[in-house]
Amino acid sequence: MEVILAKTAGFCFGVKRAVDTVYEQAGQGKGRIYTYGPIIHNEEVVKDLSQKGVRVVETPEELKNCKDGTVIIRSHGVGQDIYRLLEEEGIPYVDATCPFVRKIHRIVGQYSKEGCHVVIIGNSSHPEVEGIKGWSHDIGATTVVSTEEEARNFSIKGKKRVCIVAQTTFNNKKFKELVEIIGKKGYDIIVLNTICNATQERQAEAKEIASRVDAMVVIGGKASSNTQKLFEICKKECANTYYIQTLKDLDFSELRSINNVGITAGASTPNKIIEEVQKNVRNEF
């Protein structure tokens, strides 16, 4: 069997930077280390960090009790209110927000201040999107759109300009489709495709590999938005696409009668897990 591993599989720049930051801080032994939310959407990494004493806090109230250590802001970023809370409470923190996400924060802050209605194309419940919303100067003039129905129903009063941005890990093809729907409404629109290059390259490569293999394996955490998008893209190209978190989730009996298999992984999947899956698929056949 031929096994094709995507060159773009695994940690992206922003995730690697955030994870390295936590391990570095945890290794210094200078007090407790907290992350505001899981540092990445990968249970194996979060479990390993937990064994090293890193604690996850989920709410602003929990955050107030972290004065005995250092808080690390994860790659997804947070809204302005969290920075204010940390400053007001005098809580030491290290900002590991992905630079591409920080760029969106600046865009949203700028255009909302200028009176634009901001449209964020992404998953409304994703922490990155929640953080992006938190940089708007007018939450009432900020809308999250993730589906064609929501794009069709989008409507604002008056002649306000509309600034459209995207969650960095959103499906690029779907982003363009939703922008096209909103664009037909006749608003004065500024479109800034803020899907990061690493995401676009990963999605394009996954689609290309999936189109020419008998089976496709997508590795990543179940809560990982970018991995879910990869799975959707691959599934359209290859019916035999499997979404796994670790090797133990892979049913080798499903791969018995195929000649080639492709492997890709989300931006929060460690190389160790990818290599383990690749090695075992090769050895098994």
C-alpha atoms as a PDB file:
ATOM      1  CA  MET A   1       0.000   0.000   0.000  1.00  0.00           C
ATOM      2  CA  GLU A   2       1.156   3.520  -0.799  1.00  0.00           C
ATOM      3  CA  VAL A   3       0.886   5.941   2.145  1.00  0.00           C
ATOM      4  CA  ILE A   4       0.888   9.650   1.290  1.00  0.00           C
ATOM      5  CA  LEU A   5       1.484  12.032   4.195  1.00  0.00           C
ATOM      6  CA  ALA A   6       0.560  15.682   3.686  1.00  0.00           C
ATOM      7  CA  LYS A   7       3.575  17.985   3.994  1.00  0.00           C
ATOM      8  CA  THR A   8       1.423  20.558   5.813  1.00  0.00           C
ATOM      9  CA  ALA A   9       0.085  18.118   8.439  1.00  0.00           C
ATOM     10  CA  GLY A  10       0.527  19.066  12.092  1.00  0.00           C
ATOM     11  CA  PHE A  11       1.319  22.118  14.164  1.00  0.00           C
ATOM     12  CA  CYS A  12       1.064  25.479  12.422  1.00  0.00           C
ATOM     13  CA  PHE A  13       3.313  28.359  13.440  1.00  0.00           C
ATOM     14  CA  GLY A  14       0.829  29.914  15.889  1.00  0.00           C
ATOM     15  CA  VAL A  15       0.015  26.650  17.659  1.00  0.00           C
ATOM     16  CA  LYS A  16       3.664  25.570  17.939  1.00  0.00           C
ATOM     17  CA  ARG A  17       4.531  28.977  19.388  1.00  0.00           C
ATOM     18  CA  ALA A  18       1.750  28.738  21.990  1.00  0.00           C
ATOM     19  CA  VAL A  19       2.522  25.144  23.002  1.00  0.00           C
ATOM     20  CA  ASP A  20       6.259  25.841  23.233  1.00  0.00           C
ATOM     21  CA  THR A  21       5.472  28.860  25.433  1.00  0.00           C
ATOM     22  CA  VAL A  22       3.516  26.747  27.916  1.00  0.00           C
ATOM     23  CA  TYR A  23       6.174  24.027  28.126  1.00  0.00           C
ATOM     24  CA  GLU A  24       8.852  26.679  28.569  1.00  0.00           C
ATOM     25  CA  GLN A  25       6.942  28.440  31.349  1.00  0.00           C
ATOM     26  CA  ALA A  26       6.094  25.130  33.064  1.00  0.00           C
ATOM     27  CA  GLY A  27       9.752  24.117  32.981  1.00  0.00           C
ATOM     28  CA  GLN A  28      10.952  27.236  34.776  1.00  0.00           C
ATOM     29  CA  GLY A  29       9.384  26.242  38.087  1.00  0.00           C
ATOM     30  CA  LYS A  30       8.492  29.818  39.023  1.00  0.00           C
ATOM     31  CA  GLY A  31       5.003  29.144  40.366  1.00  0.00           C
ATOM     32  CA  ARG A  32       1.727  27.872  38.971  1.00  0.00           C
ATOM     33  CA  ILE A  33       1.008  28.049  35.253  1.00  0.00           C
ATOM     34  CA  TYR A  34      -2.543  28.563  33.992  1.00  0.00           C
ATOM     35  CA  THR A  35      -3.950  28.660  30.473  1.00  0.00           C
ATOM     36  CA  TYR A  36      -7.136  30.550  29.713  1.00  0.00           C
ATOM     37  CA  GLY A  37      -8.983  27.702  28.054  1.00  0.00           C
ATOM     38  CA  PRO A  38      -7.143  24.600  26.740  1.00  0.00           C
ATOM     39  CA  ILE A  39      -3.940  25.834  25.069  1.00  0.00           C
ATOM     40  CA  ILE A  40      -4.947  23.944  21.893  1.00  0.00           C
ATOM     41  CA  HIS A  41      -7.805  21.665  20.902  1.00  0.00           C
ATOM     42  CA  ASN A  42      -5.895  18.448  21.395  1.00  0.00           C
ATOM     43  CA  GLU A  43      -6.693  16.280  24.402  1.00  0.00           C
ATOM     44  CA  GLU A  44      -3.329  14.476  24.373  1.00  0.00           C
ATOM     45  CA  VAL A  45      -1.349  17.725  24.646  1.00  0.00           C
ATOM     46  CA  VAL A  46      -3.645  19.158  27.310  1.00  0.00           C
ATOM     47  CA  LYS A  47      -3.359  15.913  29.314  1.00  0.00           C
ATOM     48  CA  ASP A  48       0.440  15.974  29.113  1.00  0.00           C
ATOM     49  CA  LEU A  49       0.563  19.599  30.263  1.00  0.00           C
ATOM     50  CA  SER A  50      -1.806  18.787  33.116  1.00  0.00           C
ATOM     51  CA  GLN A  51       0.654  16.153  34.330  1.00  0.00           C
ATOM     52  CA  LYS A  52       3.278  18.899  34.393  1.00  0.00           C
ATOM     53  CA  GLY A  53       1.065  21.003  36.660  1.00  0.00           C
ATOM     54  CA  VAL A  54      -0.501  23.303  34.070  1.00  0.00           C
ATOM     55  CA  ARG A  55      -4.088  24.158  34.987  1.00  0.00           C
ATOM     56  CA  VAL A  56      -6.861  25.244  32.638  1.00  0.00           C
ATOM     57  CA  VAL A  57      -9.256  28.032  33.692  1.00  0.00           C
ATOM     58  CA  GLU A  58     -12.385  28.647  31.657  1.00  0.00           C
ATOM     59  CA  THR A  59     -14.118  31.765  32.989  1.00  0.00           C
ATOM     60  CA  PRO A  60     -13.259  35.347  34.016  1.00  0.00           C
ATOM     61  CA  GLU A  61     -14.260  34.470  37.595  1.00  0.00           C
ATOM     62  CA  GLU A  62     -11.777  31.583  37.683  1.00  0.00           C
ATOM     63  CA  LEU A  63      -9.172  33.888  36.174  1.00  0.00           C
ATOM     64  CA  LYS A  64      -9.385  36.212  39.173  1.00  0.00           C
ATOM     65  CA  ASN A  65      -8.059  33.387  41.366  1.00  0.00           C
ATOM     66  CA  CYS A  66      -4.820  33.014  39.378  1.00  0.00           C
ATOM     67  CA  LYS A  67      -2.780  35.633  41.213  1.00  0.00           C
ATOM     68  CA  ASP A  68      -0.452  32.938  42.539  1.00  0.00           C
ATOM     69  CA  GLY A  69       0.936  32.165  39.096  1.00  0.00           C
ATOM     70  CA  THR A  70       1.180  33.140  35.434  1.00  0.00           C
ATOM     71  CA  VAL A  71      -1.672  32.993  32.919  1.00  0.00           C
ATOM     72  CA  ILE A  72      -0.950  32.117  29.305  1.00  0.00           C
ATOM     73  CA  ILE A  73      -3.311  33.453  26.673  1.00  0.00           C
ATOM     74  CA  ARG A  74      -3.663  30.753  24.045  1.00  0.00           C
ATOM     75  CA  SER A  75      -3.184  31.091  20.284  1.00  0.00           C
ATOM     76  CA  HIS A  76      -6.936  31.654  19.736  1.00  0.00           C
ATOM     77  CA  GLY A  77      -6.683  35.031  21.478  1.00  0.00           C
ATOM     78  CA  VAL A  78      -9.162  36.787  23.792  1.00  0.00           C
ATOM     79  CA  GLY A  79     -11.251  39.944  23.839  1.00  0.00           C
ATOM     80  CA  GLN A  80     -10.175  43.273  25.319  1.00  0.00           C
ATOM     81  CA  ASP A  81     -12.144  42.572  28.502  1.00  0.00           C
ATOM     82  CA  ILE A  82      -9.804  39.724  29.468  1.00  0.00           C
ATOM     83  CA  TYR A  83      -6.716  41.918  29.100  1.00  0.00           C
ATOM     84  CA  ARG A  84      -8.411  44.570  31.265  1.00  0.00           C
ATOM     85  CA  LEU A  85      -9.257  41.985  33.921  1.00  0.00           C
ATOM     86  CA  LEU A  86      -5.671  40.695  34.031  1.00  0.00           C
ATOM     87  CA  GLU A  87      -4.295  44.230  34.321  1.00  0.00           C
ATOM     88  CA  GLU A  88      -6.812  45.341  36.967  1.00  0.00           C
ATOM     89  CA  GLU A  89      -6.260  42.229  39.074  1.00  0.00           C
ATOM     90  CA  GLY A  90      -2.476  42.460  38.700  1.00  0.00           C
ATOM     91  CA  ILE A  91      -2.228  38.926  37.324  1.00  0.00           C
ATOM     92  CA  PRO A  92       1.022  38.142  35.447  1.00  0.00           C
ATOM     93  CA  TYR A  93       0.392  36.821  31.953  1.00  0.00           C
ATOM     94  CA  VAL A  94       2.159  35.761  28.773  1.00  0.00           C
ATOM     95  CA  ASP A  95       0.377  36.498  25.493  1.00  0.00           C
ATOM     96  CA  ALA A  96       0.692  33.580  23.059  1.00  0.00           C
ATOM     97  CA  THR A  97      -2.028  34.821  20.693  1.00  0.00           C
ATOM     98  CA  CYS A  98      -1.266  33.865  17.093  1.00  0.00           C
ATOM     99  CA  PRO A  99       0.009  36.941  15.198  1.00  0.00           C
ATOM    100  CA  PHE A 100      -2.522  36.260  12.429  1.00  0.00           C
ATOM    101  CA  VAL A 101      -5.337  36.412  14.995  1.00  0.00           C
ATOM    102  CA  ARG A 102      -3.912  39.611  16.505  1.00  0.00           C
ATOM    103  CA  LYS A 103      -4.067  41.134  13.019  1.00  0.00           C
ATOM    104  CA  ILE A 104      -7.824  40.454  12.907  1.00  0.00           C
ATOM    105  CA  HIS A 105      -8.216  42.071  16.346  1.00  0.00           C
ATOM    106  CA  ARG A 106      -6.602  45.237  14.979  1.00  0.00           C
ATOM    107  CA  ILE A 107      -8.772  45.206  11.836  1.00  0.00           C
ATOM    108  CA  VAL A 108     -12.001  44.772  13.800  1.00  0.00           C
ATOM    109  CA  GLY A 109     -10.982  47.465  16.282  1.00  0.00           C
ATOM    110  CA  GLN A 110     -10.132  49.908  13.498  1.00  0.00           C
ATOM    111  CA  TYR A 111     -13.152  49.410  11.242  1.00  0.00           C
ATOM    112  CA  SER A 112     -15.698  49.199  14.063  1.00  0.00           C
ATOM    113  CA  LYS A 113     -14.288  52.463  15.446  1.00  0.00           C
ATOM    114  CA  GLU A 114     -14.828  54.021  12.017  1.00  0.00           C
ATOM    115  CA  GLY A 115     -18.504  53.030  12.198  1.00  0.00           C
ATOM    116  CA  CYS A 116     -18.467  49.899  10.021  1.00  0.00           C
ATOM    117  CA  HIS A 117     -20.742  46.969  10.714  1.00  0.00           C
ATOM    118  CA  VAL A 118     -18.340  44.050  11.238  1.00  0.00           C
ATOM    119  CA  VAL A 119     -19.187  40.593   9.878  1.00  0.00           C
ATOM    120  CA  ILE A 120     -17.052  37.726  11.165  1.00  0.00           C
ATOM    121  CA  ILE A 121     -17.359  34.619   9.018  1.00  0.00           C
ATOM    122  CA  GLY A 122     -16.709  31.715  11.338  1.00  0.00           C
ATOM    123  CA  ASN A 123     -18.077  29.497  14.094  1.00  0.00           C
ATOM    124  CA  SER A 124     -19.794  31.722  16.696  1.00  0.00           C
ATOM    125  CA  SER A 125     -18.970  29.356  19.579  1.00  0.00           C
ATOM    126  CA  HIS A 126     -15.273  29.037  18.712  1.00  0.00           C
ATOM    127  CA  PRO A 127     -12.938  30.823  21.166  1.00  0.00           C
ATOM    128  CA  GLU A 128     -11.109  32.590  18.339  1.00  0.00           C
ATOM    129  CA  VAL A 129     -14.358  34.130  17.085  1.00  0.00           C
ATOM    130  CA  GLU A 130     -15.439  35.044  20.616  1.00  0.00           C
ATOM    131  CA  GLY A 131     -12.097  36.798  21.061  1.00  0.00           C
ATOM    132  CA  ILE A 132     -12.401  38.648  17.739  1.00  0.00           C
ATOM    133  CA  LYS A 133     -15.862  39.920  18.700  1.00  0.00           C
ATOM    134  CA  GLY A 134     -14.337  41.252  21.887  1.00  0.00           C
ATOM    135  CA  TRP A 135     -12.330  43.824  19.889  1.00  0.00           C
ATOM    136  CA  SER A 136     -15.351  45.466  18.291  1.00  0.00           C
ATOM    137  CA  HIS A 137     -16.253  48.907  19.609  1.00  0.00           C
ATOM    138  CA  ASP A 138     -19.935  48.146  18.985  1.00  0.00           C
ATOM    139  CA  ILE A 139     -21.067  44.586  19.699  1.00  0.00           C
ATOM    140  CA  GLY A 140     -24.537  45.504  18.415  1.00  0.00           C
ATOM    141  CA  ALA A 141     -22.975  46.216  15.007  1.00  0.00           C
ATOM    142  CA  THR A 142     -21.055  42.938  14.912  1.00  0.00           C
ATOM    143  CA  THR A 143     -22.467  39.784  13.307  1.00  0.00           C
ATOM    144  CA  VAL A 144     -21.092  36.253  13.081  1.00  0.00           C
ATOM    145  CA  VAL A 145     -22.072  34.332   9.944  1.00  0.00           C
ATOM    146  CA  SER A 146     -21.295  30.651   9.423  1.00  0.00           C
ATOM    147  CA  THR A 147     -23.973  29.305   7.057  1.00  0.00           C
ATOM    148  CA  GLU A 148     -25.619  30.213   3.754  1.00  0.00           C
ATOM    149  CA  GLU A 149     -28.920  30.757   5.582  1.00  0.00           C
ATOM    150  CA  GLU A 150     -27.309  33.240   7.985  1.00  0.00           C
ATOM    151  CA  ALA A 151     -25.670  35.034   5.044  1.00  0.00           C
ATOM    152  CA  ARG A 152     -29.001  35.289   3.226  1.00  0.00           C
ATOM    153  CA  ASN A 153     -30.722  36.581   6.376  1.00  0.00           C
ATOM    154  CA  PHE A 154     -28.033  39.175   7.102  1.00  0.00           C
ATOM    155  CA  SER A 155     -29.488  42.679   7.032  1.00  0.00           C
ATOM    156  CA  ILE A 156     -28.579  46.089   8.447  1.00  0.00           C
ATOM    157  CA  LYS A 157     -30.401  49.410   8.416  1.00  0.00           C
ATOM    158  CA  GLY A 158     -29.034  52.578   6.865  1.00  0.00           C
ATOM    159  CA  LYS A 159     -26.010  52.984   4.624  1.00  0.00           C
ATOM    160  CA  LYS A 160     -23.362  51.665   6.944  1.00  0.00           C
ATOM    161  CA  ARG A 161     -20.264  50.170   5.419  1.00  0.00           C
ATOM    162  CA  VAL A 162     -19.725  46.475   6.068  1.00  0.00           C
ATOM    163  CA  CYS A 163     -16.302  45.034   6.928  1.00  0.00           C
ATOM    164  CA  ILE A 164     -16.024  41.265   6.461  1.00  0.00           C
ATOM    165  CA  VAL A 165     -13.274  39.204   8.107  1.00  0.00           C
ATOM    166  CA  ALA A 166     -12.829  35.456   8.633  1.00  0.00           C
ATOM    167  CA  GLN A 167     -11.875  33.067  11.389  1.00  0.00           C
ATOM    168  CA  THR A 168      -8.291  32.061  10.503  1.00  0.00           C
ATOM    169  CA  THR A 169      -9.179  28.365  10.136  1.00  0.00           C
ATOM    170  CA  PHE A 170     -12.413  28.741   8.143  1.00  0.00           C
ATOM    171  CA  ASN A 171     -12.996  26.847   4.891  1.00  0.00           C
ATOM    172  CA  ASN A 172     -11.672  29.164   2.164  1.00  0.00           C
ATOM    173  CA  LYS A 173     -14.174  28.030  -0.495  1.00  0.00           C
ATOM    174  CA  LYS A 174     -17.091  28.450   1.891  1.00  0.00           C
ATOM    175  CA  PHE A 175     -15.826  31.910   2.927  1.00  0.00           C
ATOM    176  CA  LYS A 176     -15.948  33.066  -0.701  1.00  0.00           C
ATOM    177  CA  GLU A 177     -19.455  31.631  -1.156  1.00  0.00           C
ATOM    178  CA  LEU A 178     -20.786  33.452   1.928  1.00  0.00           C
ATOM    179  CA  VAL A 179     -19.093  36.716   0.894  1.00  0.00           C
ATOM    180  CA  GLU A 180     -20.755  36.422  -2.525  1.00  0.00           C
ATOM    181  CA  ILE A 181     -24.196  36.054  -0.926  1.00  0.00           C
ATOM    182  CA  ILE A 182     -23.700  39.107   1.301  1.00  0.00           C
ATOM    183  CA  GLY A 183     -22.152  41.046  -1.594  1.00  0.00           C
ATOM    184  CA  LYS A 184     -25.386  40.793  -3.592  1.00  0.00           C
ATOM    185  CA  LYS A 185     -27.237  42.827  -0.948  1.00  0.00           C
ATOM    186  CA  GLY A 186     -25.805  46.092  -2.251  1.00  0.00           C
ATOM    187  CA  TYR A 187     -23.910  47.246   0.839  1.00  0.00           C
ATOM    188  CA  ASP A 188     -20.615  49.135   0.642  1.00  0.00           C
ATOM    189  CA  ILE A 189     -18.426  46.150   1.522  1.00  0.00           C
ATOM    190  CA  ILE A 190     -14.780  45.814   2.501  1.00  0.00           C
ATOM    191  CA  VAL A 191     -13.675  42.163   2.309  1.00  0.00           C
ATOM    192  CA  LEU A 192     -10.527  41.094   4.138  1.00  0.00           C
ATOM    193  CA  ASN A 193      -9.816  37.381   3.746  1.00  0.00           C
ATOM    194  CA  THR A 194      -8.060  36.723   7.057  1.00  0.00           C
ATOM    195  CA  ILE A 195      -7.893  32.943   6.679  1.00  0.00           C
ATOM    196  CA  CYS A 196      -4.202  32.303   7.319  1.00  0.00           C
ATOM    197  CA  ASN A 197      -1.971  31.027   4.514  1.00  0.00           C
ATOM    198  CA  ALA A 198      -1.113  27.876   6.475  1.00  0.00           C
ATOM    199  CA  THR A 199      -4.816  26.983   6.667  1.00  0.00           C
ATOM    200  CA  GLN A 200      -5.381  27.599   2.959  1.00  0.00           C
ATOM    201  CA  GLU A 201      -2.324  25.539   2.000  1.00  0.00           C
ATOM    202  CA  ARG A 202      -3.326  22.703   4.340  1.00  0.00           C
ATOM    203  CA  GLN A 203      -6.867  22.622   2.943  1.00  0.00           C
ATOM    204  CA  ALA A 204      -5.678  22.730  -0.682  1.00  0.00           C
ATOM    205  CA  GLU A 205      -3.151  19.941  -0.131  1.00  0.00           C
ATOM    206  CA  ALA A 206      -5.674  17.770   1.743  1.00  0.00           C
ATOM    207  CA  LYS A 207      -8.196  18.189  -1.075  1.00  0.00           C
ATOM    208  CA  GLU A 208      -5.605  17.293  -3.720  1.00  0.00           C
ATOM    209  CA  ILE A 209      -4.437  14.147  -1.871  1.00  0.00           C
ATOM    210  CA  ALA A 210      -8.002  13.032  -1.049  1.00  0.00           C
ATOM    211  CA  SER A 211      -8.958  13.301  -4.729  1.00  0.00           C
ATOM    212  CA  ARG A 212      -6.429  10.601  -5.731  1.00  0.00           C
ATOM    213  CA  VAL A 213      -6.448   8.035  -2.896  1.00  0.00           C
ATOM    214  CA  ASP A 214      -8.751   5.175  -1.946  1.00  0.00           C
ATOM    215  CA  ALA A 215      -8.941   6.251   1.706  1.00  0.00           C
ATOM    216  CA  MET A 216      -8.065   9.365   3.677  1.00  0.00           C
ATOM    217  CA  VAL A 217      -7.194   9.641   7.383  1.00  0.00           C
ATOM    218  CA  VAL A 218      -7.641  13.017   9.085  1.00  0.00           C
ATOM    219  CA  ILE A 219      -6.027  13.314  12.525  1.00  0.00           C
ATOM    220  CA  GLY A 220      -7.008  15.879  15.138  1.00  0.00           C
ATOM    221  CA  GLY A 221      -8.973  16.690  18.262  1.00  0.00           C
ATOM    222  CA  LYS A 222     -12.769  16.483  18.060  1.00  0.00           C
ATOM    223  CA  ALA A 223     -13.037  20.106  19.217  1.00  0.00           C
ATOM    224  CA  SER A 224     -10.564  21.323  16.588  1.00  0.00           C
ATOM    225  CA  SER A 225     -12.341  23.588  14.110  1.00  0.00           C
ATOM    226  CA  ASN A 226      -9.617  23.419  11.472  1.00  0.00           C
ATOM    227  CA  THR A 227      -9.524  19.597  11.652  1.00  0.00           C
ATOM    228  CA  GLN A 228     -13.302  19.449  11.203  1.00  0.00           C
ATOM    229  CA  LYS A 229     -12.945  21.623   8.092  1.00  0.00           C
ATOM    230  CA  LEU A 230     -10.221  19.305   6.753  1.00  0.00           C
ATOM    231  CA  PHE A 231     -12.492  16.304   7.296  1.00  0.00           C
ATOM    232  CA  GLU A 232     -15.364  18.007   5.427  1.00  0.00           C
ATOM    233  CA  ILE A 233     -13.080  18.885   2.505  1.00  0.00           C
ATOM    234  CA  CYS A 234     -11.589  15.390   2.302  1.00  0.00           C
ATOM    235  CA  LYS A 235     -14.948  13.651   2.651  1.00  0.00           C
ATOM    236  CA  LYS A 236     -16.235  15.452  -0.459  1.00  0.00           C
ATOM    237  CA  GLU A 237     -13.271  14.149  -2.449  1.00  0.00           C
ATOM    238  CA  CYS A 238     -12.963  10.695  -0.898  1.00  0.00           C
ATOM    239  CA  ALA A 239     -15.930   8.769   0.534  1.00  0.00           C
ATOM    240  CA  ASN A 240     -13.600   6.626   2.669  1.00  0.00           C
ATOM    241  CA  THR A 241     -12.413   9.449   4.904  1.00  0.00           C
ATOM    242  CA  TYR A 242     -11.814   8.723   8.597  1.00  0.00           C
ATOM    243  CA  TYR A 243     -11.546  11.266  11.416  1.00  0.00           C
ATOM    244  CA  ILE A 244      -9.373  10.052  14.300  1.00  0.00           C
ATOM    245  CA  GLN A 245      -7.761  11.635  17.355  1.00  0.00           C
ATOM    246  CA  THR A 246      -5.056   9.010  17.931  1.00  0.00           C
ATOM    247  CA  LEU A 247      -3.929   5.668  16.496  1.00  0.00           C
ATOM    248  CA  LYS A 248      -6.300   3.719  18.754  1.00  0.00           C
ATOM    249  CA  ASP A 249      -9.288   5.268  16.914  1.00  0.00           C
ATOM    250  CA  LEU A 250      -8.206   3.825  13.576  1.00  0.00           C
ATOM    251  CA  ASP A 251      -9.966   0.630  12.485  1.00  0.00           C
ATOM    252  CA  PHE A 252      -7.438  -1.109  10.223  1.00  0.00           C
ATOM    253  CA  SER A 253     -10.101  -3.478   8.900  1.00  0.00           C
ATOM    254  CA  GLU A 254     -11.561  -0.493   7.035  1.00  0.00           C
ATOM    255  CA  LEU A 255      -8.324  -0.184   5.035  1.00  0.00           C
ATOM    256  CA  ARG A 256      -7.870  -3.826   4.034  1.00  0.00           C
ATOM    257  CA  SER A 257      -8.969  -3.628   0.397  1.00  0.00           C
ATOM    258  CA  ILE A 258      -7.368  -0.364  -0.662  1.00  0.00           C
ATOM    259  CA  ASN A 259      -4.202   0.408  -2.630  1.00  0.00           C
ATOM    260  CA  ASN A 260      -3.314   3.829  -1.271  1.00  0.00           C
ATOM    261  CA  VAL A 261      -4.155   6.013   1.709  1.00  0.00           C
ATOM    262  CA  GLY A 262      -3.626   9.694   2.404  1.00  0.00           C
ATOM    263  CA  ILE A 263      -2.934  11.170   5.836  1.00  0.00           C
ATOM    264  CA  THR A 264      -3.339  14.755   6.968  1.00  0.00           C
ATOM    265  CA  ALA A 265      -3.734  16.393  10.363  1.00  0.00           C
ATOM    266  CA  GLY A 266      -5.092  19.543  11.951  1.00  0.00           C
ATOM    267  CA  ALA A 267      -2.978  22.450  13.154  1.00  0.00           C
ATOM    268  CA  SER A 268      -3.162  21.261  16.769  1.00  0.00           C
ATOM    269  CA  THR A 269      -1.991  17.693  16.151  1.00  0.00           C
ATOM    270  CA  PRO A 270       1.502  16.866  17.504  1.00  0.00           C
ATOM    271  CA  ASN A 271       4.024  15.237  15.138  1.00  0.00           C
ATOM    272  CA  LYS A 272       4.339  12.319  17.568  1.00  0.00           C
ATOM    273  CA  ILE A 273       0.717  11.269  16.904  1.00  0.00           C
ATOM    274  CA  ILE A 274       1.034  11.773  13.127  1.00  0.00           C
ATOM    275  CA  GLU A 275       4.224   9.701  12.965  1.00  0.00           C
ATOM    276  CA  GLU A 276       2.669   6.930  15.049  1.00  0.00           C
ATOM    277  CA  VAL A 277      -0.326   6.684  12.696  1.00  0.00           C
ATOM    278  CA  GLN A 278       1.860   6.793   9.576  1.00  0.00           C
ATOM    279  CA  LYS A 279       4.277   4.158  10.900  1.00  0.00           C
ATOM    280  CA  ASN A 280       1.531   1.748  11.950  1.00  0.00           C
ATOM    281  CA  VAL A 281      -0.392   2.089   8.675  1.00  0.00           C
ATOM    282  CA  ARG A 282       2.827   1.254   6.791  1.00  0.00           C
ATOM    283  CA  ASN A 283       3.683  -1.674   9.090  1.00  0.00           C
ATOM    284  CA  GLU A 284       0.164  -3.079   9.065  1.00  0.00           C
ATOM    285  CA  PHE A 285       0.209  -3.455   5.308  1.00  0.00           C
END
